[in-house]
Amino acid sequence: MLHCMTSEPEQQIGVGTQDAFQRLWTPHRMAYIQGENKPTGPGAGDGCPFCAIPAKSDEDGLIVKRGEQVYAVLNLYPYNGGHLMVVPYRHVADYTDLTRPETVELAELTKQAMTALRTASGAHGFNIGMNQGTVAGAGIAAHLHQHIVPRWGGDTNFMPVIGHTKVLPQLLADTRKMLAEAWPAQSGPSGE
């Protein structure tokens, strides 16, 4: 029996409210949802990805900038294009446990990340913050990391609001290269 192709999408019974939208699938998110690459415990040797990333090349680890105490890396599961994290090399969970040099460099790389994102992508604003502890939403609570999420006027459109899907227009490797090239030069230890 021959089936005709129609312009009507196939309707599936029992999959929620029927609407006029076809679905944009993002299967790469399932790795995050299922906990792939999550540490098995709180120690540095328990599979912490933030401890493993610095041993990789910048390209393989998606590292945008390496400092002496901390590094800037693209988020593998970004909230927005260009979503960076500033992470101490040392396996430390709580912000109050950072050393003074780690705290200073974390702040400096955050400022530099904002400058790079404005230069490379014209970001209009930023969400910057840390989730301290699992109950506060930290996906990897054992290793502190500060999120820097660029925002643009009108970046919340129908896709995330109605479709519950974020559309990222660029491959992470291309974003990493673009931001690394836009990273501001610093003249001294504190960027002064």
C-alpha atoms as a PDB file:
ATOM      1  CA  MET A   1       0.000   0.000   0.000  1.00  0.00           C
ATOM      2  CA  LEU A   2       1.343   3.418  -0.970  1.00  0.00           C
ATOM      3  CA  HIS A   3       1.177   6.291   1.571  1.00  0.00           C
ATOM      4  CA  CYS A   4       0.676   9.861   0.417  1.00  0.00           C
ATOM      5  CA  MET A   5       2.806  12.640   1.856  1.00  0.00           C
ATOM      6  CA  THR A   6       0.639  15.407   3.278  1.00  0.00           C
ATOM      7  CA  SER A   7       1.488  18.818   4.628  1.00  0.00           C
ATOM      8  CA  GLU A   8      -0.269  17.992   7.881  1.00  0.00           C
ATOM      9  CA  PRO A   9       2.033  16.844  10.697  1.00  0.00           C
ATOM     10  CA  GLU A  10       1.310  13.458  12.172  1.00  0.00           C
ATOM     11  CA  GLN A  11      -0.770  13.811  15.334  1.00  0.00           C
ATOM     12  CA  GLN A  12       0.117  11.660  18.321  1.00  0.00           C
ATOM     13  CA  ILE A  13      -2.537  10.880  20.859  1.00  0.00           C
ATOM     14  CA  GLY A  14      -1.626  11.360  24.513  1.00  0.00           C
ATOM     15  CA  VAL A  15       1.387  13.662  24.123  1.00  0.00           C
ATOM     16  CA  GLY A  16      -0.124  16.776  25.626  1.00  0.00           C
ATOM     17  CA  THR A  17      -2.262  19.596  24.395  1.00  0.00           C
ATOM     18  CA  GLN A  18      -2.669  19.505  20.660  1.00  0.00           C
ATOM     19  CA  ASP A  19      -1.442  22.686  19.000  1.00  0.00           C
ATOM     20  CA  ALA A  20      -0.234  23.940  15.637  1.00  0.00           C
ATOM     21  CA  PHE A  21       3.471  23.618  16.477  1.00  0.00           C
ATOM     22  CA  GLN A  22       5.837  20.972  15.271  1.00  0.00           C
ATOM     23  CA  ARG A  23       8.562  20.094  17.755  1.00  0.00           C
ATOM     24  CA  LEU A  24      12.205  21.129  17.643  1.00  0.00           C
ATOM     25  CA  TRP A  25      14.068  18.311  19.333  1.00  0.00           C
ATOM     26  CA  THR A  26      17.199  19.001  21.376  1.00  0.00           C
ATOM     27  CA  PRO A  27      18.445  15.495  22.225  1.00  0.00           C
ATOM     28  CA  HIS A  28      21.877  16.788  23.324  1.00  0.00           C
ATOM     29  CA  ARG A  29      20.150  18.132  26.480  1.00  0.00           C
ATOM     30  CA  MET A  30      19.325  14.564  27.552  1.00  0.00           C
ATOM     31  CA  ALA A  31      22.980  14.026  28.533  1.00  0.00           C
ATOM     32  CA  TYR A  32      22.668  16.908  31.008  1.00  0.00           C
ATOM     33  CA  ILE A  33      19.274  15.774  32.276  1.00  0.00           C
ATOM     34  CA  GLN A  34      20.563  12.244  32.877  1.00  0.00           C
ATOM     35  CA  GLY A  35      23.636  13.533  34.689  1.00  0.00           C
ATOM     36  CA  GLU A  36      26.308  12.605  32.159  1.00  0.00           C
ATOM     37  CA  ASN A  37      29.751  13.869  33.255  1.00  0.00           C
ATOM     38  CA  LYS A  38      28.461  14.706  36.740  1.00  0.00           C
ATOM     39  CA  PRO A  39      30.817  13.918  39.629  1.00  0.00           C
ATOM     40  CA  THR A  40      30.195  10.716  41.554  1.00  0.00           C
ATOM     41  CA  GLY A  41      31.061  12.416  44.852  1.00  0.00           C
ATOM     42  CA  PRO A  42      32.285  15.681  46.375  1.00  0.00           C
ATOM     43  CA  GLY A  43      36.042  15.117  45.999  1.00  0.00           C
ATOM     44  CA  ALA A  44      38.298  16.387  43.231  1.00  0.00           C
ATOM     45  CA  GLY A  45      39.019  12.772  42.241  1.00  0.00           C
ATOM     46  CA  ASP A  46      35.331  11.883  41.956  1.00  0.00           C
ATOM     47  CA  GLY A  47      35.046  12.790  38.287  1.00  0.00           C
ATOM     48  CA  CYS A  48      34.734  16.558  38.673  1.00  0.00           C
ATOM     49  CA  PRO A  49      34.585  18.016  35.140  1.00  0.00           C
ATOM     50  CA  PHE A  50      35.893  21.397  36.369  1.00  0.00           C
ATOM     51  CA  CYS A  51      39.042  19.647  37.619  1.00  0.00           C
ATOM     52  CA  ALA A  52      39.426  17.703  34.335  1.00  0.00           C
ATOM     53  CA  ILE A  53      38.857  20.584  31.889  1.00  0.00           C
ATOM     54  CA  PRO A  54      42.189  22.433  32.508  1.00  0.00           C
ATOM     55  CA  ALA A  55      44.158  19.337  31.413  1.00  0.00           C
ATOM     56  CA  LYS A  56      42.541  19.547  27.963  1.00  0.00           C
ATOM     57  CA  SER A  57      43.483  21.854  25.118  1.00  0.00           C
ATOM     58  CA  ASP A  58      41.573  25.134  25.040  1.00  0.00           C
ATOM     59  CA  GLU A  59      39.613  23.908  22.027  1.00  0.00           C
ATOM     60  CA  ASP A  60      38.710  20.506  23.506  1.00  0.00           C
ATOM     61  CA  GLY A  61      37.879  21.934  26.926  1.00  0.00           C
ATOM     62  CA  LEU A  62      36.048  25.003  25.497  1.00  0.00           C
ATOM     63  CA  ILE A  63      38.381  27.195  27.568  1.00  0.00           C
ATOM     64  CA  VAL A  64      38.271  30.826  26.518  1.00  0.00           C
ATOM     65  CA  LYS A  65      40.863  32.249  28.941  1.00  0.00           C
ATOM     66  CA  ARG A  66      43.321  30.765  31.434  1.00  0.00           C
ATOM     67  CA  GLY A  67      44.412  32.798  34.424  1.00  0.00           C
ATOM     68  CA  GLU A  68      46.783  31.893  37.259  1.00  0.00           C
ATOM     69  CA  GLN A  69      44.039  31.018  39.785  1.00  0.00           C
ATOM     70  CA  VAL A  70      40.897  30.633  37.660  1.00  0.00           C
ATOM     71  CA  TYR A  71      39.836  30.007  34.070  1.00  0.00           C
ATOM     72  CA  ALA A  72      36.886  30.998  31.853  1.00  0.00           C
ATOM     73  CA  VAL A  73      35.073  28.218  30.014  1.00  0.00           C
ATOM     74  CA  LEU A  74      31.958  27.967  27.879  1.00  0.00           C
ATOM     75  CA  ASN A  75      29.015  26.205  29.469  1.00  0.00           C
ATOM     76  CA  LEU A  76      28.438  22.911  27.661  1.00  0.00           C
ATOM     77  CA  TYR A  77      24.675  23.319  28.285  1.00  0.00           C
ATOM     78  CA  PRO A  78      24.229  27.095  27.831  1.00  0.00           C
ATOM     79  CA  TYR A  79      21.237  29.199  28.848  1.00  0.00           C
ATOM     80  CA  ASN A  80      22.133  31.618  26.043  1.00  0.00           C
ATOM     81  CA  GLY A  81      24.768  31.837  23.314  1.00  0.00           C
ATOM     82  CA  GLY A  82      28.120  32.828  24.852  1.00  0.00           C
ATOM     83  CA  HIS A  83      27.223  31.544  28.345  1.00  0.00           C
ATOM     84  CA  LEU A  84      30.565  31.444  30.181  1.00  0.00           C
ATOM     85  CA  MET A  85      31.646  30.246  33.598  1.00  0.00           C
ATOM     86  CA  VAL A  86      34.629  31.441  35.621  1.00  0.00           C
ATOM     87  CA  VAL A  87      36.022  28.538  37.626  1.00  0.00           C
ATOM     88  CA  PRO A  88      38.887  28.243  40.134  1.00  0.00           C
ATOM     89  CA  TYR A  89      41.459  25.579  39.308  1.00  0.00           C
ATOM     90  CA  ARG A  90      41.354  24.491  42.942  1.00  0.00           C
ATOM     91  CA  HIS A  91      38.501  22.139  43.848  1.00  0.00           C
ATOM     92  CA  VAL A  92      36.566  24.325  46.285  1.00  0.00           C
ATOM     93  CA  ALA A  93      32.807  24.410  46.835  1.00  0.00           C
ATOM     94  CA  ASP A  94      32.079  27.556  48.800  1.00  0.00           C
ATOM     95  CA  TYR A  95      32.730  31.164  47.826  1.00  0.00           C
ATOM     96  CA  THR A  96      33.876  31.968  51.369  1.00  0.00           C
ATOM     97  CA  ASP A  97      36.647  29.357  51.012  1.00  0.00           C
ATOM     98  CA  LEU A  98      38.337  31.122  48.088  1.00  0.00           C
ATOM     99  CA  THR A  99      41.737  32.638  48.785  1.00  0.00           C
ATOM    100  CA  ARG A 100      42.177  36.368  48.265  1.00  0.00           C
ATOM    101  CA  PRO A 101      44.099  35.851  44.970  1.00  0.00           C
ATOM    102  CA  GLU A 102      41.355  33.478  43.708  1.00  0.00           C
ATOM    103  CA  THR A 103      38.640  35.997  44.639  1.00  0.00           C
ATOM    104  CA  VAL A 104      40.462  38.862  42.910  1.00  0.00           C
ATOM    105  CA  GLU A 105      41.141  36.908  39.730  1.00  0.00           C
ATOM    106  CA  LEU A 106      37.590  35.539  39.616  1.00  0.00           C
ATOM    107  CA  ALA A 107      36.317  39.135  39.699  1.00  0.00           C
ATOM    108  CA  GLU A 108      38.849  40.271  37.069  1.00  0.00           C
ATOM    109  CA  LEU A 109      38.036  37.434  34.655  1.00  0.00           C
ATOM    110  CA  THR A 110      34.329  38.167  35.124  1.00  0.00           C
ATOM    111  CA  LYS A 111      34.937  41.793  34.081  1.00  0.00           C
ATOM    112  CA  GLN A 112      37.065  40.651  31.127  1.00  0.00           C
ATOM    113  CA  ALA A 113      34.384  38.138  30.090  1.00  0.00           C
ATOM    114  CA  MET A 114      31.781  40.910  30.035  1.00  0.00           C
ATOM    115  CA  THR A 115      34.072  43.039  27.859  1.00  0.00           C
ATOM    116  CA  ALA A 116      34.751  40.122  25.482  1.00  0.00           C
ATOM    117  CA  LEU A 117      31.047  39.308  25.183  1.00  0.00           C
ATOM    118  CA  ARG A 118      30.174  42.942  24.470  1.00  0.00           C
ATOM    119  CA  THR A 119      32.938  43.131  21.843  1.00  0.00           C
ATOM    120  CA  ALA A 120      32.165  39.802  20.171  1.00  0.00           C
ATOM    121  CA  SER A 121      28.384  39.749  20.332  1.00  0.00           C
ATOM    122  CA  GLY A 122      27.108  43.164  21.376  1.00  0.00           C
ATOM    123  CA  ALA A 123      25.534  41.851  24.594  1.00  0.00           C
ATOM    124  CA  HIS A 124      23.150  44.417  26.106  1.00  0.00           C
ATOM    125  CA  GLY A 125      23.259  43.023  29.643  1.00  0.00           C
ATOM    126  CA  PHE A 126      24.252  40.036  31.750  1.00  0.00           C
ATOM    127  CA  ASN A 127      23.022  37.622  34.366  1.00  0.00           C
ATOM    128  CA  ILE A 128      25.972  36.913  36.665  1.00  0.00           C
ATOM    129  CA  GLY A 129      25.889  34.631  39.657  1.00  0.00           C
ATOM    130  CA  MET A 130      26.717  31.480  41.565  1.00  0.00           C
ATOM    131  CA  ASN A 131      24.456  28.771  42.872  1.00  0.00           C
ATOM    132  CA  GLN A 132      25.953  27.720  46.193  1.00  0.00           C
ATOM    133  CA  GLY A 133      24.867  24.197  47.106  1.00  0.00           C
ATOM    134  CA  THR A 134      22.575  21.672  45.483  1.00  0.00           C
ATOM    135  CA  VAL A 135      19.481  23.147  47.166  1.00  0.00           C
ATOM    136  CA  ALA A 136      20.326  26.511  45.568  1.00  0.00           C
ATOM    137  CA  GLY A 137      20.431  24.972  42.089  1.00  0.00           C
ATOM    138  CA  ALA A 138      24.128  24.174  41.649  1.00  0.00           C
ATOM    139  CA  GLY A 139      24.436  21.430  39.049  1.00  0.00           C
ATOM    140  CA  ILE A 140      27.959  20.679  40.282  1.00  0.00           C
ATOM    141  CA  ALA A 141      27.921  21.883  43.879  1.00  0.00           C
ATOM    142  CA  ALA A 142      31.346  20.527  44.850  1.00  0.00           C
ATOM    143  CA  HIS A 143      33.284  22.903  42.567  1.00  0.00           C
ATOM    144  CA  LEU A 144      32.415  26.584  42.632  1.00  0.00           C
ATOM    145  CA  HIS A 145      31.699  28.242  39.291  1.00  0.00           C
ATOM    146  CA  GLN A 146      30.324  31.671  38.437  1.00  0.00           C
ATOM    147  CA  HIS A 147      27.927  31.971  35.503  1.00  0.00           C
ATOM    148  CA  ILE A 148      28.098  34.886  33.057  1.00  0.00           C
ATOM    149  CA  VAL A 149      25.085  34.786  30.757  1.00  0.00           C
ATOM    150  CA  PRO A 150      24.904  37.471  28.037  1.00  0.00           C
ATOM    151  CA  ARG A 151      21.484  38.963  27.340  1.00  0.00           C
ATOM    152  CA  TRP A 152      20.057  41.007  24.482  1.00  0.00           C
ATOM    153  CA  GLY A 153      16.884  43.048  24.232  1.00  0.00           C
ATOM    154  CA  GLY A 154      14.180  40.718  22.929  1.00  0.00           C
ATOM    155  CA  ASP A 155      16.182  37.502  23.495  1.00  0.00           C
ATOM    156  CA  THR A 156      13.184  35.948  25.224  1.00  0.00           C
ATOM    157  CA  ASN A 157      11.003  35.204  22.242  1.00  0.00           C
ATOM    158  CA  PHE A 158       8.401  32.593  21.464  1.00  0.00           C
ATOM    159  CA  MET A 159      10.875  29.687  21.343  1.00  0.00           C
ATOM    160  CA  PRO A 160      11.710  29.510  25.069  1.00  0.00           C
ATOM    161  CA  VAL A 161       8.358  30.910  26.191  1.00  0.00           C
ATOM    162  CA  ILE A 162       6.032  28.748  24.096  1.00  0.00           C
ATOM    163  CA  GLY A 163       8.290  26.035  22.719  1.00  0.00           C
ATOM    164  CA  HIS A 164      10.398  25.594  25.872  1.00  0.00           C
ATOM    165  CA  THR A 165      13.405  25.433  23.567  1.00  0.00           C
ATOM    166  CA  LYS A 166      16.456  27.697  23.383  1.00  0.00           C
ATOM    167  CA  VAL A 167      17.838  28.213  19.903  1.00  0.00           C
ATOM    168  CA  LEU A 168      21.600  28.728  19.808  1.00  0.00           C
ATOM    169  CA  PRO A 169      22.813  29.994  16.444  1.00  0.00           C
ATOM    170  CA  GLN A 170      26.459  28.967  16.714  1.00  0.00           C
ATOM    171  CA  LEU A 171      28.523  25.875  17.489  1.00  0.00           C
ATOM    172  CA  LEU A 172      30.312  26.017  20.857  1.00  0.00           C
ATOM    173  CA  ALA A 173      33.724  25.644  19.192  1.00  0.00           C
ATOM    174  CA  ASP A 174      33.015  28.692  17.023  1.00  0.00           C
ATOM    175  CA  THR A 175      31.765  30.676  20.026  1.00  0.00           C
ATOM    176  CA  ARG A 176      34.911  29.749  22.002  1.00  0.00           C
ATOM    177  CA  LYS A 177      37.169  30.946  19.168  1.00  0.00           C
ATOM    178  CA  MET A 178      35.232  34.196  18.726  1.00  0.00           C
ATOM    179  CA  LEU A 179      35.363  35.025  22.457  1.00  0.00           C
ATOM    180  CA  ALA A 180      39.027  34.053  22.823  1.00  0.00           C
ATOM    181  CA  GLU A 181      39.872  36.446  19.988  1.00  0.00           C
ATOM    182  CA  ALA A 182      37.771  39.221  21.590  1.00  0.00           C
ATOM    183  CA  TRP A 183      39.226  38.719  25.092  1.00  0.00           C
ATOM    184  CA  PRO A 184      40.729  42.009  26.292  1.00  0.00           C
ATOM    185  CA  ALA A 185      44.470  42.264  26.898  1.00  0.00           C
ATOM    186  CA  GLN A 186      45.467  43.043  30.439  1.00  0.00           C
ATOM    187  CA  SER A 187      48.467  45.135  31.326  1.00  0.00           C
ATOM    188  CA  GLY A 188      49.113  44.083  34.911  1.00  0.00           C
ATOM    189  CA  PRO A 189      48.208  41.405  37.462  1.00  0.00           C
ATOM    190  CA  SER A 190      44.881  43.107  38.176  1.00  0.00           C
ATOM    191  CA  GLY A 191      44.312  44.305  34.623  1.00  0.00           C
ATOM    192  CA  GLU A 192      45.262  47.920  35.411  1.00  0.00           C
END
